[in-house]
Amino acid sequence: MNSIKATVTHFRYKKHPGDLFRDTSVQLLPHPYKNQLEFWVWFHPSYHRSEDIADLNELYKQLHDFSCHDEARKTNPELCYNGVSKERITEEIKHLEYKIYQDCFENFYLLMIDGHIELIENYQHD
């Protein structure tokens, strides 16, 4: 069996993508799961305007608020923020994250095949 050579891959947009979050600088290609936020910022088609991202942030806020209300949980363990269970919030988070990942993976693929980004192997910093 061949051993897999670990290489570091960088990328860059060939033309400025037209927003404040991304530019044409050479960047380390983020791992989609280990560097989730970086991956989303660089490859979501409209990260800064996405309703899905805004909704996800709101769900995480609700989940955090739920965790902060110990007294409310003692009184009624089935309910949390706005009467929605913690399990339901977690389920919605998983659903939105999956959708966001799909949008990012599809956009990354389209950027590659349309030639808008290039992958750079063995990049040497100046």
N, C-alpha and C. Protein backbone atom coordinates (compact mmCIF):
# COMPACT_ATOMS: atom_id res chain seq x y z
N MET A 1 0.84 -1.18 0.00
CA MET A 1 0.00 0.00 0.00
C MET A 1 0.88 1.24 0.00
N ASN A 2 0.56 2.20 -0.84
CA ASN A 2 1.32 3.44 -0.91
C ASN A 2 1.03 4.33 0.28
N SER A 3 2.07 4.98 0.76
CA SER A 3 1.83 5.92 1.85
C SER A 3 1.39 7.26 1.25
N ILE A 4 0.54 7.94 1.95
CA ILE A 4 0.05 9.23 1.48
C ILE A 4 0.99 10.32 1.97
N LYS A 5 1.50 11.08 1.05
CA LYS A 5 2.42 12.15 1.40
C LYS A 5 1.60 13.35 1.86
N ALA A 6 1.88 13.81 3.05
CA ALA A 6 1.17 14.98 3.59
C ALA A 6 1.78 16.24 2.99
N THR A 7 0.98 16.98 2.26
CA THR A 7 1.44 18.23 1.70
C THR A 7 0.52 19.34 2.18
N VAL A 8 1.06 20.52 2.19
CA VAL A 8 0.29 21.68 2.56
C VAL A 8 -0.14 22.36 1.27
N THR A 9 -1.42 22.62 1.17
CA THR A 9 -1.96 23.25 -0.03
C THR A 9 -2.47 24.63 0.30
N HIS A 10 -2.13 25.56 -0.55
CA HIS A 10 -2.62 26.92 -0.45
C HIS A 10 -3.54 27.19 -1.64
N PHE A 11 -4.21 28.31 -1.60
CA PHE A 11 -5.07 28.70 -2.72
C PHE A 11 -5.12 30.22 -2.77
N ARG A 12 -5.62 30.71 -3.87
CA ARG A 12 -5.89 32.14 -3.99
C ARG A 12 -6.96 32.35 -5.04
N TYR A 13 -7.74 33.42 -4.85
CA TYR A 13 -8.69 33.84 -5.87
C TYR A 13 -7.90 34.55 -6.95
N LYS A 14 -8.19 34.29 -8.21
CA LYS A 14 -7.48 34.94 -9.31
C LYS A 14 -7.91 36.40 -9.46
N LYS A 15 -9.20 36.67 -9.20
CA LYS A 15 -9.73 38.03 -9.20
C LYS A 15 -10.39 38.26 -7.85
N HIS A 16 -10.38 39.50 -7.40
CA HIS A 16 -11.01 39.80 -6.11
C HIS A 16 -12.48 39.37 -6.14
N PRO A 17 -12.92 38.60 -5.14
CA PRO A 17 -14.28 38.08 -5.14
C PRO A 17 -15.36 39.14 -4.88
N GLY A 18 -14.97 40.36 -4.55
CA GLY A 18 -15.94 41.44 -4.45
C GLY A 18 -16.59 41.63 -3.10
N ASP A 19 -15.96 41.17 -2.03
CA ASP A 19 -16.50 41.45 -0.70
C ASP A 19 -15.36 41.76 0.27
N LEU A 20 -15.71 42.10 1.49
CA LEU A 20 -14.71 42.50 2.47
C LEU A 20 -14.05 41.33 3.19
N PHE A 21 -14.61 40.14 3.09
CA PHE A 21 -14.08 38.99 3.80
C PHE A 21 -12.98 38.27 3.05
N ARG A 22 -12.95 38.42 1.74
CA ARG A 22 -12.00 37.65 0.92
C ARG A 22 -11.21 38.58 0.02
N ASP A 23 -10.04 38.11 -0.39
CA ASP A 23 -9.21 38.89 -1.30
C ASP A 23 -8.40 37.94 -2.18
N THR A 24 -7.37 38.45 -2.84
CA THR A 24 -6.58 37.61 -3.75
C THR A 24 -5.27 37.12 -3.13
N SER A 25 -5.11 37.30 -1.83
CA SER A 25 -3.88 36.84 -1.19
C SER A 25 -3.83 35.31 -1.15
N VAL A 26 -2.62 34.79 -1.05
CA VAL A 26 -2.43 33.34 -0.95
C VAL A 26 -2.76 32.93 0.49
N GLN A 27 -3.62 31.93 0.61
CA GLN A 27 -4.10 31.46 1.91
C GLN A 27 -3.90 29.95 2.02
N LEU A 28 -3.72 29.50 3.24
CA LEU A 28 -3.70 28.06 3.49
C LEU A 28 -5.11 27.54 3.26
N LEU A 29 -5.23 26.48 2.47
CA LEU A 29 -6.54 25.90 2.19
C LEU A 29 -7.09 25.32 3.50
N PRO A 30 -8.20 25.88 3.99
CA PRO A 30 -8.71 25.42 5.29
C PRO A 30 -9.38 24.05 5.18
N HIS A 31 -9.15 23.24 6.18
CA HIS A 31 -9.82 21.95 6.26
C HIS A 31 -11.30 22.23 6.54
N PRO A 32 -12.21 21.63 5.78
CA PRO A 32 -13.63 21.96 5.93
C PRO A 32 -14.21 21.72 7.33
N TYR A 33 -13.68 20.74 8.06
CA TYR A 33 -14.25 20.41 9.36
C TYR A 33 -13.38 20.89 10.52
N LYS A 34 -12.07 20.85 10.36
CA LYS A 34 -11.18 21.30 11.43
C LYS A 34 -11.14 22.83 11.50
N ASN A 35 -11.32 23.49 10.39
CA ASN A 35 -11.33 24.96 10.32
C ASN A 35 -12.63 25.42 9.68
N GLN A 36 -13.73 25.02 10.31
CA GLN A 36 -15.06 25.25 9.75
C GLN A 36 -15.31 26.70 9.38
N LEU A 37 -15.09 27.62 10.31
CA LEU A 37 -15.40 29.02 10.05
C LEU A 37 -14.58 29.57 8.88
N GLU A 38 -13.29 29.28 8.86
CA GLU A 38 -12.45 29.74 7.74
C GLU A 38 -12.94 29.18 6.41
N PHE A 39 -13.28 27.90 6.41
CA PHE A 39 -13.77 27.27 5.18
C PHE A 39 -15.04 27.97 4.70
N TRP A 40 -15.95 28.22 5.63
CA TRP A 40 -17.21 28.87 5.27
C TRP A 40 -16.97 30.29 4.76
N VAL A 41 -16.12 31.04 5.45
CA VAL A 41 -15.86 32.43 5.04
C VAL A 41 -15.29 32.46 3.63
N TRP A 42 -14.32 31.60 3.35
CA TRP A 42 -13.66 31.62 2.05
C TRP A 42 -14.52 31.05 0.92
N PHE A 43 -15.39 30.09 1.22
CA PHE A 43 -16.05 29.38 0.12
C PHE A 43 -17.57 29.43 0.10
N HIS A 44 -18.20 30.02 1.10
CA HIS A 44 -19.65 30.19 0.99
C HIS A 44 -19.92 31.25 -0.06
N PRO A 45 -20.90 31.05 -0.93
CA PRO A 45 -21.12 32.01 -2.02
C PRO A 45 -21.49 33.42 -1.55
N SER A 46 -22.09 33.53 -0.37
CA SER A 46 -22.44 34.87 0.13
C SER A 46 -22.43 34.89 1.66
N TYR A 47 -21.30 34.54 2.23
CA TYR A 47 -21.18 34.38 3.68
C TYR A 47 -21.70 35.59 4.45
N HIS A 48 -21.30 36.77 4.05
CA HIS A 48 -21.64 37.98 4.82
C HIS A 48 -23.11 38.39 4.67
N ARG A 49 -23.85 37.85 3.71
CA ARG A 49 -25.26 38.18 3.51
C ARG A 49 -26.19 36.99 3.71
N SER A 50 -25.65 35.87 4.08
CA SER A 50 -26.42 34.63 4.13
C SER A 50 -27.42 34.60 5.29
N GLU A 51 -28.68 34.35 4.95
CA GLU A 51 -29.71 34.16 5.98
C GLU A 51 -29.44 32.88 6.77
N ASP A 52 -28.89 31.87 6.11
CA ASP A 52 -28.57 30.62 6.80
C ASP A 52 -27.53 30.85 7.90
N ILE A 53 -26.51 31.64 7.59
CA ILE A 53 -25.47 31.95 8.59
C ILE A 53 -26.08 32.74 9.74
N ALA A 54 -26.91 33.73 9.42
CA ALA A 54 -27.57 34.53 10.46
C ALA A 54 -28.48 33.66 11.33
N ASP A 55 -29.24 32.77 10.69
CA ASP A 55 -30.11 31.86 11.43
C ASP A 55 -29.31 30.91 12.33
N LEU A 56 -28.19 30.42 11.81
CA LEU A 56 -27.34 29.52 12.60
C LEU A 56 -26.79 30.25 13.82
N ASN A 57 -26.33 31.47 13.64
CA ASN A 57 -25.82 32.26 14.77
C ASN A 57 -26.91 32.46 15.81
N GLU A 58 -28.13 32.72 15.36
CA GLU A 58 -29.26 32.89 16.28
C GLU A 58 -29.57 31.60 17.03
N LEU A 59 -29.50 30.47 16.35
CA LEU A 59 -29.74 29.18 17.01
C LEU A 59 -28.68 28.90 18.07
N TYR A 60 -27.41 29.20 17.76
CA TYR A 60 -26.36 29.01 18.76
C TYR A 60 -26.58 29.93 19.96
N LYS A 61 -27.05 31.13 19.70
CA LYS A 61 -27.36 32.06 20.79
C LYS A 61 -28.48 31.49 21.66
N GLN A 62 -29.50 30.94 21.03
CA GLN A 62 -30.61 30.33 21.76
C GLN A 62 -30.12 29.13 22.58
N LEU A 63 -29.25 28.34 21.99
CA LEU A 63 -28.71 27.18 22.70
C LEU A 63 -27.90 27.63 23.91
N HIS A 64 -27.12 28.68 23.74
CA HIS A 64 -26.34 29.23 24.85
C HIS A 64 -27.27 29.79 25.92
N ASP A 65 -28.31 30.53 25.51
CA ASP A 65 -29.28 31.08 26.46
C ASP A 65 -29.95 29.95 27.24
N PHE A 66 -30.24 28.87 26.54
CA PHE A 66 -30.87 27.71 27.19
C PHE A 66 -29.96 27.19 28.28
N SER A 67 -28.69 27.09 27.99
CA SER A 67 -27.73 26.57 28.97
C SER A 67 -27.59 27.48 30.18
N CYS A 68 -27.87 28.76 30.00
CA CYS A 68 -27.73 29.73 31.09
C CYS A 68 -28.93 29.76 32.01
N HIS A 69 -30.02 29.13 31.65
CA HIS A 69 -31.24 29.20 32.44
C HIS A 69 -31.45 27.92 33.24
N ASP A 70 -30.59 27.70 34.22
CA ASP A 70 -30.67 26.49 35.05
C ASP A 70 -32.00 26.40 35.79
N GLU A 71 -32.47 27.52 36.33
CA GLU A 71 -33.72 27.51 37.09
C GLU A 71 -34.89 27.11 36.20
N ALA A 72 -34.92 27.64 34.97
CA ALA A 72 -36.00 27.31 34.05
C ALA A 72 -35.96 25.83 33.70
N ARG A 73 -34.78 25.28 33.57
CA ARG A 73 -34.66 23.85 33.25
C ARG A 73 -35.14 22.98 34.41
N LYS A 74 -34.87 23.42 35.63
CA LYS A 74 -35.32 22.65 36.79
C LYS A 74 -36.85 22.64 36.86
N THR A 75 -37.47 23.76 36.51
CA THR A 75 -38.92 23.88 36.56
C THR A 75 -39.59 23.07 35.47
N ASN A 76 -39.04 23.17 34.25
CA ASN A 76 -39.65 22.47 33.11
C ASN A 76 -38.53 21.98 32.19
N PRO A 77 -38.00 20.79 32.42
CA PRO A 77 -36.83 20.31 31.67
C PRO A 77 -37.08 20.09 30.18
N GLU A 78 -38.34 20.02 29.77
CA GLU A 78 -38.63 19.80 28.35
C GLU A 78 -38.56 21.08 27.52
N LEU A 79 -38.60 22.21 28.17
CA LEU A 79 -38.67 23.47 27.44
C LEU A 79 -37.42 24.30 27.65
N CYS A 80 -37.15 25.14 26.67
CA CYS A 80 -36.06 26.09 26.81
C CYS A 80 -36.46 27.37 26.13
N TYR A 81 -35.53 28.07 25.56
CA TYR A 81 -35.75 29.36 24.91
C TYR A 81 -36.98 29.34 24.01
N ASN A 82 -37.91 30.26 24.23
CA ASN A 82 -39.14 30.39 23.43
C ASN A 82 -39.94 29.10 23.33
N GLY A 83 -39.82 28.26 24.34
CA GLY A 83 -40.62 27.05 24.34
C GLY A 83 -40.15 25.96 23.40
N VAL A 84 -38.95 26.07 22.87
CA VAL A 84 -38.39 25.07 21.96
C VAL A 84 -37.40 24.22 22.74
N SER A 85 -37.46 22.93 22.57
CA SER A 85 -36.56 22.05 23.32
C SER A 85 -35.12 22.21 22.84
N LYS A 86 -34.22 21.90 23.74
CA LYS A 86 -32.79 21.93 23.43
C LYS A 86 -32.48 20.97 22.29
N GLU A 87 -33.12 19.82 22.29
CA GLU A 87 -32.90 18.82 21.24
C GLU A 87 -33.33 19.36 19.88
N ARG A 88 -34.44 20.11 19.86
CA ARG A 88 -34.93 20.69 18.60
C ARG A 88 -33.96 21.75 18.07
N ILE A 89 -33.43 22.57 18.97
CA ILE A 89 -32.45 23.59 18.57
C ILE A 89 -31.22 22.89 18.00
N THR A 90 -30.74 21.85 18.67
CA THR A 90 -29.57 21.11 18.21
C THR A 90 -29.83 20.48 16.85
N GLU A 91 -31.02 19.95 16.66
CA GLU A 91 -31.39 19.36 15.37
C GLU A 91 -31.39 20.41 14.26
N GLU A 92 -31.91 21.58 14.55
CA GLU A 92 -31.93 22.67 13.57
C GLU A 92 -30.51 23.14 13.24
N ILE A 93 -29.65 23.19 14.25
CA ILE A 93 -28.24 23.57 14.03
C ILE A 93 -27.59 22.58 13.08
N LYS A 94 -27.77 21.29 13.32
CA LYS A 94 -27.18 20.26 12.45
C LYS A 94 -27.69 20.39 11.02
N HIS A 95 -28.98 20.63 10.88
CA HIS A 95 -29.59 20.79 9.55
C HIS A 95 -29.00 21.99 8.82
N LEU A 96 -28.90 23.13 9.49
CA LEU A 96 -28.36 24.33 8.84
C LEU A 96 -26.87 24.17 8.52
N GLU A 97 -26.11 23.57 9.43
CA GLU A 97 -24.69 23.35 9.16
C GLU A 97 -24.51 22.47 7.94
N TYR A 98 -25.32 21.44 7.81
CA TYR A 98 -25.25 20.56 6.65
C TYR A 98 -25.53 21.36 5.37
N LYS A 99 -26.57 22.19 5.39
CA LYS A 99 -26.92 23.00 4.22
C LYS A 99 -25.79 23.99 3.89
N ILE A 100 -25.22 24.61 4.89
CA ILE A 100 -24.12 25.56 4.67
C ILE A 100 -22.91 24.84 4.07
N TYR A 101 -22.59 23.67 4.61
CA TYR A 101 -21.49 22.89 4.04
C TYR A 101 -21.76 22.55 2.58
N GLN A 102 -22.97 22.13 2.27
CA GLN A 102 -23.31 21.80 0.88
C GLN A 102 -23.12 23.02 -0.02
N ASP A 103 -23.56 24.18 0.44
CA ASP A 103 -23.38 25.42 -0.34
C ASP A 103 -21.89 25.71 -0.55
N CYS A 104 -21.09 25.53 0.50
CA CYS A 104 -19.66 25.79 0.41
C CYS A 104 -18.95 24.81 -0.52
N PHE A 105 -19.25 23.51 -0.37
CA PHE A 105 -18.63 22.51 -1.22
C PHE A 105 -19.00 22.73 -2.69
N GLU A 106 -20.25 23.02 -2.95
CA GLU A 106 -20.68 23.27 -4.32
C GLU A 106 -19.99 24.51 -4.89
N ASN A 107 -19.91 25.57 -4.10
CA ASN A 107 -19.26 26.79 -4.56
C ASN A 107 -17.76 26.56 -4.79
N PHE A 108 -17.11 25.83 -3.87
CA PHE A 108 -15.69 25.53 -4.04
C PHE A 108 -15.46 24.78 -5.36
N TYR A 109 -16.29 23.79 -5.61
CA TYR A 109 -16.18 23.01 -6.85
C TYR A 109 -16.36 23.91 -8.07
N LEU A 110 -17.39 24.76 -8.04
CA LEU A 110 -17.63 25.66 -9.17
C LEU A 110 -16.48 26.66 -9.35
N LEU A 111 -15.96 27.16 -8.26
CA LEU A 111 -14.81 28.08 -8.34
C LEU A 111 -13.61 27.39 -9.00
N MET A 112 -13.41 26.12 -8.65
CA MET A 112 -12.30 25.37 -9.23
C MET A 112 -12.51 25.12 -10.72
N ILE A 113 -13.67 24.58 -11.10
CA ILE A 113 -13.85 24.22 -12.51
C ILE A 113 -14.00 25.45 -13.40
N ASP A 114 -14.46 26.57 -12.84
CA ASP A 114 -14.57 27.80 -13.63
C ASP A 114 -13.27 28.60 -13.64
N GLY A 115 -12.26 28.13 -12.88
CA GLY A 115 -10.95 28.78 -12.89
C GLY A 115 -10.88 30.08 -12.10
N HIS A 116 -11.76 30.26 -11.11
CA HIS A 116 -11.73 31.48 -10.31
C HIS A 116 -10.73 31.42 -9.16
N ILE A 117 -10.39 30.20 -8.74
CA ILE A 117 -9.34 30.03 -7.73
C ILE A 117 -8.32 29.05 -8.25
N GLU A 118 -7.13 29.16 -7.70
CA GLU A 118 -6.10 28.19 -8.06
C GLU A 118 -5.51 27.60 -6.79
N LEU A 119 -5.17 26.32 -6.86
CA LEU A 119 -4.52 25.64 -5.76
C LEU A 119 -3.02 25.74 -5.96
N ILE A 120 -2.30 25.95 -4.88
CA ILE A 120 -0.85 26.14 -4.94
C ILE A 120 -0.20 25.14 -3.98
N GLU A 121 0.60 24.24 -4.53
CA GLU A 121 1.32 23.26 -3.72
C GLU A 121 2.69 23.83 -3.37
N ASN A 122 3.19 23.48 -2.21
CA ASN A 122 4.55 23.84 -1.78
C ASN A 122 4.81 25.35 -1.86
N TYR A 123 3.86 26.14 -1.40
CA TYR A 123 3.99 27.60 -1.40
C TYR A 123 5.06 28.01 -0.40
N GLN A 124 5.95 28.88 -0.81
CA GLN A 124 7.00 29.40 0.07
C GLN A 124 6.68 30.85 0.43
N HIS A 125 6.58 31.10 1.74
CA HIS A 125 6.32 32.47 2.19
C HIS A 125 7.52 33.36 1.89
N ASP A 126 7.25 34.61 1.58
CA ASP A 126 8.36 35.56 1.33
C ASP A 126 8.98 36.04 2.61
